[in-house]
Amino acid sequence: MRRMDFKMERPGQVKEGDAVTVTEGVLPSNYYYTIHPAVAMSGNIPFRDRLKSKEGTVISVEENTRGYYVTVEFDEPEVGKH
């Protein structure tokens, strides 16, 4: 299972156990992913580590000094373990 972290600006948008859909955005040298509908955004992901699944499950929502972070698990191998 592959896990990816997303930055969420406001609490309560998603909770543990929620099924989520992500959309893919493209930058000149990276991809980024957004939990639909614009709930949270991933960091930049190199082309070689492109996400194949577009649906996942929220496994945690945590708050720290920088904001709220959502961890989503996708049904595909971890990066680097193809």
C-alpha atoms as a PDB file:
ATOM      1  CA  MET A   1       0.000   0.000   0.000  1.00  0.00           C
ATOM      2  CA  ARG A   2       1.260   3.448  -0.888  1.00  0.00           C
ATOM      3  CA  ARG A   3       0.788   6.387   1.452  1.00  0.00           C
ATOM      4  CA  MET A   4       0.794  10.052   0.484  1.00  0.00           C
ATOM      5  CA  ASP A   5       0.519  13.173   2.639  1.00  0.00           C
ATOM      6  CA  PHE A   6      -1.674  16.150   1.777  1.00  0.00           C
ATOM      7  CA  LYS A   7      -1.804  19.636   3.345  1.00  0.00           C
ATOM      8  CA  MET A   8      -5.294  20.695   4.436  1.00  0.00           C
ATOM      9  CA  GLU A   9      -5.985  24.344   5.316  1.00  0.00           C
ATOM     10  CA  ARG A  10      -9.107  23.890   7.459  1.00  0.00           C
ATOM     11  CA  PRO A  11     -10.062  21.127   9.902  1.00  0.00           C
ATOM     12  CA  GLY A  12     -13.016  18.829   9.428  1.00  0.00           C
ATOM     13  CA  GLN A  13     -12.861  18.504   5.635  1.00  0.00           C
ATOM     14  CA  VAL A  14     -12.152  14.752   5.819  1.00  0.00           C
ATOM     15  CA  LYS A  15     -11.812  12.207   8.611  1.00  0.00           C
ATOM     16  CA  GLU A  16     -10.119   8.858   9.143  1.00  0.00           C
ATOM     17  CA  GLY A  17     -11.799   6.116   7.129  1.00  0.00           C
ATOM     18  CA  ASP A  18     -13.168   8.439   4.421  1.00  0.00           C
ATOM     19  CA  ALA A  19     -12.844   7.262   0.830  1.00  0.00           C
ATOM     20  CA  VAL A  20     -11.391  10.082  -1.276  1.00  0.00           C
ATOM     21  CA  THR A  21     -10.760  10.763  -4.953  1.00  0.00           C
ATOM     22  CA  VAL A  22      -7.708  12.704  -6.117  1.00  0.00           C
ATOM     23  CA  THR A  23      -7.146  14.698  -9.269  1.00  0.00           C
ATOM     24  CA  GLU A  24      -3.754  15.045 -10.903  1.00  0.00           C
ATOM     25  CA  GLY A  25      -2.097  18.317 -11.863  1.00  0.00           C
ATOM     26  CA  VAL A  26       1.032  18.694 -13.976  1.00  0.00           C
ATOM     27  CA  LEU A  27       3.937  21.082 -13.497  1.00  0.00           C
ATOM     28  CA  PRO A  28       6.985  21.326 -15.797  1.00  0.00           C
ATOM     29  CA  SER A  29       8.879  18.629 -13.894  1.00  0.00           C
ATOM     30  CA  ASN A  30       6.425  17.207 -11.332  1.00  0.00           C
ATOM     31  CA  TYR A  31       2.898  16.067 -10.644  1.00  0.00           C
ATOM     32  CA  TYR A  32       0.763  17.196  -7.726  1.00  0.00           C
ATOM     33  CA  TYR A  33      -2.497  15.771  -6.418  1.00  0.00           C
ATOM     34  CA  THR A  34      -5.580  17.370  -4.926  1.00  0.00           C
ATOM     35  CA  ILE A  35      -8.194  15.605  -2.814  1.00  0.00           C
ATOM     36  CA  HIS A  36     -11.461  16.357  -4.602  1.00  0.00           C
ATOM     37  CA  PRO A  37     -13.164  18.809  -4.213  1.00  0.00           C
ATOM     38  CA  ALA A  38     -10.102  20.954  -3.393  1.00  0.00           C
ATOM     39  CA  VAL A  39      -9.891  19.735   0.207  1.00  0.00           C
ATOM     40  CA  ALA A  40      -6.120  19.215   0.462  1.00  0.00           C
ATOM     41  CA  MET A  41      -3.056  19.235  -1.807  1.00  0.00           C
ATOM     42  CA  SER A  42       0.030  17.040  -2.002  1.00  0.00           C
ATOM     43  CA  GLY A  43       3.575  18.234  -2.364  1.00  0.00           C
ATOM     44  CA  ASN A  44       5.295  17.951  -5.743  1.00  0.00           C
ATOM     45  CA  ILE A  45       5.817  14.365  -6.907  1.00  0.00           C
ATOM     46  CA  PRO A  46       8.553  13.516  -9.458  1.00  0.00           C
ATOM     47  CA  PHE A  47       7.380  12.074 -12.781  1.00  0.00           C
ATOM     48  CA  ARG A  48       8.933   8.683 -11.951  1.00  0.00           C
ATOM     49  CA  ASP A  49       6.721   8.430  -8.829  1.00  0.00           C
ATOM     50  CA  ARG A  50       3.405   9.224 -10.531  1.00  0.00           C
ATOM     51  CA  LEU A  51       0.343   7.989  -8.648  1.00  0.00           C
ATOM     52  CA  LYS A  52      -1.551   5.336 -10.605  1.00  0.00           C
ATOM     53  CA  SER A  53      -4.628   5.073  -8.358  1.00  0.00           C
ATOM     54  CA  LYS A  54      -7.051   7.948  -8.148  1.00  0.00           C
ATOM     55  CA  GLU A  55      -9.013   6.630  -5.149  1.00  0.00           C
ATOM     56  CA  GLY A  56      -7.762   6.034  -1.628  1.00  0.00           C
ATOM     57  CA  THR A  57      -8.689   5.949   2.051  1.00  0.00           C
ATOM     58  CA  VAL A  58      -7.812   8.535   4.688  1.00  0.00           C
ATOM     59  CA  ILE A  59      -5.782   6.801   7.392  1.00  0.00           C
ATOM     60  CA  SER A  60      -4.962   9.830   9.540  1.00  0.00           C
ATOM     61  CA  VAL A  61      -5.587  13.539   9.990  1.00  0.00           C
ATOM     62  CA  GLU A  62      -3.074  15.364  12.168  1.00  0.00           C
ATOM     63  CA  GLU A  63      -2.549  18.950  13.261  1.00  0.00           C
ATOM     64  CA  ASN A  64       0.871  20.458  13.932  1.00  0.00           C
ATOM     65  CA  THR A  65       2.286  23.980  14.051  1.00  0.00           C
ATOM     66  CA  ARG A  66       2.227  24.214  10.239  1.00  0.00           C
ATOM     67  CA  GLY A  67      -1.394  23.169   9.781  1.00  0.00           C
ATOM     68  CA  TYR A  68      -3.436  20.048   9.117  1.00  0.00           C
ATOM     69  CA  TYR A  69      -2.021  17.028   7.324  1.00  0.00           C
ATOM     70  CA  VAL A  70      -3.993  14.172   5.803  1.00  0.00           C
ATOM     71  CA  THR A  71      -2.399  10.798   5.061  1.00  0.00           C
ATOM     72  CA  VAL A  72      -4.126   8.781   2.355  1.00  0.00           C
ATOM     73  CA  GLU A  73      -3.442   5.146   1.531  1.00  0.00           C
ATOM     74  CA  PHE A  74      -3.700   3.955  -2.083  1.00  0.00           C
ATOM     75  CA  ASP A  75      -3.907   0.371  -3.340  1.00  0.00           C
ATOM     76  CA  GLU A  76      -0.574   0.265  -5.183  1.00  0.00           C
ATOM     77  CA  PRO A  77       3.045  -0.514  -4.287  1.00  0.00           C
ATOM     78  CA  GLU A  78       5.063   1.969  -2.253  1.00  0.00           C
ATOM     79  CA  VAL A  79       7.353   4.265  -4.223  1.00  0.00           C
ATOM     80  CA  GLY A  80      10.626   2.494  -4.961  1.00  0.00           C
ATOM     81  CA  LYS A  81       9.085  -0.993  -4.406  1.00  0.00           C
ATOM     82  CA  HIS A  82       7.720  -1.716  -7.877  1.00  0.00           C
END
